[in-house]
């Protein structure tokens, strides 16, 4: 089984904001939002600390995405509000927040994989962290941008993953109490995608 361990992991959400979600064109923004919420719910079950960061939130009135604050109000209240820095790792407040978790494995998702996510993932990897990039909790404007972002992250040693895959790796065993809770969270996710969004009958 994977070496990914909940007790050494932190969940990083980058720029999951209302206007920014509109830049996702390579998949449904609704699916990206749902997967982000699913990650936060699972992190709560597994006691994985969260670090959230937003970009020009006040200047552009690009508020944090609804649905996340209710699950983890502490992470919302403590989110790092960047004033324009593109690579979150260039913001000392963000780096301090990550370091304060004491975790060396970072499970990251950004609204745009070719912008919000890639730079921070590459920088964290250079800083010595193990980085898992959850691609289906975000997207890109263009398919070519998505493909290039994936290639660059892979070449740098970032592990590319999806919401279901990373939660399976963290759960380890569906028969455990935590595993059963994660399985239910994923089941709710699948039910919403396949039914509520009309992607399958």
Foldseek 3Di string as FASTA:
>chain_A
DDPDEQLQEAEEEWAQFDVLLVQFDVDDSVLLQLLVLLVLQLCVLSVHHYEYEHECCPVVVGGHDPPNCVSPVPNVVQHHYHDHDFQLVVDPSRVVVVVVSVHQEYEYEYQALLTRNQNNLLVSVVVPGAYEYADSNHHHNDPVSRVVSVVVSVVSRHHYDHSVVVSCVHLVDCPDPSNVVSVVSVVVSVCCVQPVVVPHD
